[in-house]
Amino acid sequence: MVSRQQAETALARVLLERIRNDAYPSTTQMTMLEQVIPASLVQEYMNVLLTKVSQDQWPSIPMLARIRRVAQALPA
């Protein structure tokens, strides 16, 4: 039997890969990921988001705001 944590981690990995591979990731998928992401994947997620905005000549304000929100949820 699969535990809730295992299922959420599996979902988080699938969503993280989709977000990494999409030029303009779905806001719905990013929100879903943020609801289930385990602490062990947060740094990788932040790296994906930061890479996306650093490669975009004009990064979107919503993406920058999302990065800020995720960063604020991290321990100081």
Protein backbone atom coordinates (compact mmCIF):
# COMPACT_ATOMS: atom_id res chain seq x y z
CA MET A 1 0.00 0.00 0.00
CA VAL A 2 1.21 3.49 -0.87
CA SER A 3 1.21 6.08 1.88
CA ARG A 4 -0.14 9.60 1.44
CA GLN A 5 3.40 10.97 1.71
CA GLN A 6 4.66 8.62 -1.01
CA ALA A 7 1.77 9.53 -3.31
CA GLU A 8 2.30 13.27 -2.75
CA THR A 9 6.04 12.93 -3.34
CA ALA A 10 5.41 11.02 -6.57
CA LEU A 11 2.95 13.71 -7.70
CA ALA A 12 5.44 16.43 -6.74
CA ARG A 13 8.16 14.80 -8.86
CA VAL A 14 5.85 14.53 -11.89
CA LEU A 15 4.74 18.15 -11.54
CA LEU A 16 8.31 19.38 -11.00
CA GLU A 17 9.44 17.70 -14.22
CA ARG A 18 6.50 19.19 -16.15
CA ILE A 19 7.33 22.64 -14.78
CA ARG A 20 11.03 22.20 -15.57
CA ASN A 21 10.32 21.15 -19.18
CA ASP A 22 7.58 23.67 -20.05
CA ALA A 23 8.78 27.03 -21.33
CA TYR A 24 5.78 28.65 -19.68
CA PRO A 25 4.63 26.30 -16.93
CA SER A 26 1.02 26.08 -15.87
CA THR A 27 0.17 28.21 -12.86
CA THR A 28 -2.26 25.49 -11.81
CA GLN A 29 0.51 22.89 -11.84
CA MET A 30 2.85 25.17 -9.88
CA THR A 31 0.14 25.79 -7.28
CA MET A 32 -0.58 22.06 -7.02
CA LEU A 33 3.12 21.35 -6.59
CA GLU A 34 3.41 23.95 -3.84
CA GLN A 35 0.55 22.26 -1.99
CA VAL A 36 2.25 18.83 -1.89
CA ILE A 37 5.98 19.46 -2.30
CA PRO A 38 8.15 17.74 0.30
CA ALA A 39 10.92 19.78 1.92
CA SER A 40 13.51 17.69 0.09
CA LEU A 41 12.35 19.08 -3.30
CA VAL A 42 11.86 22.74 -2.42
CA GLN A 43 15.43 23.77 -3.28
CA GLU A 44 15.19 22.02 -6.64
CA TYR A 45 11.88 23.76 -7.33
CA MET A 46 13.39 27.14 -6.47
CA ASN A 47 16.31 26.42 -8.81
CA VAL A 48 13.87 25.58 -11.62
CA LEU A 49 11.94 28.82 -11.10
CA LEU A 50 15.07 30.93 -10.79
CA THR A 51 16.51 29.39 -13.95
CA LYS A 52 13.32 30.19 -15.84
CA VAL A 53 13.30 33.87 -14.84
CA SER A 54 17.03 34.25 -15.44
CA GLN A 55 16.62 32.94 -18.99
CA ASP A 56 13.66 35.18 -19.78
CA GLN A 57 14.45 38.68 -21.02
CA TRP A 58 11.24 39.97 -19.44
CA PRO A 59 10.25 37.61 -16.62
CA SER A 60 6.62 37.79 -15.63
CA ILE A 61 5.65 39.63 -12.48
CA PRO A 62 3.48 36.68 -11.35
CA MET A 63 6.48 34.33 -11.65
CA LEU A 64 8.69 36.72 -9.67
CA ALA A 65 5.95 37.04 -7.03
CA ARG A 66 5.67 33.23 -6.87
CA ILE A 67 9.41 32.92 -6.26
CA ARG A 68 9.14 35.50 -3.51
CA ARG A 69 6.25 33.61 -1.85
CA VAL A 70 8.07 30.29 -1.99
CA ALA A 71 11.25 31.90 -0.64
CA GLN A 72 9.35 33.49 2.24
CA ALA A 73 8.10 30.05 3.26
CA LEU A 74 11.67 28.76 3.58
CA PRO A 75 13.43 28.80 6.93
CA ALA A 76 15.60 31.88 7.49
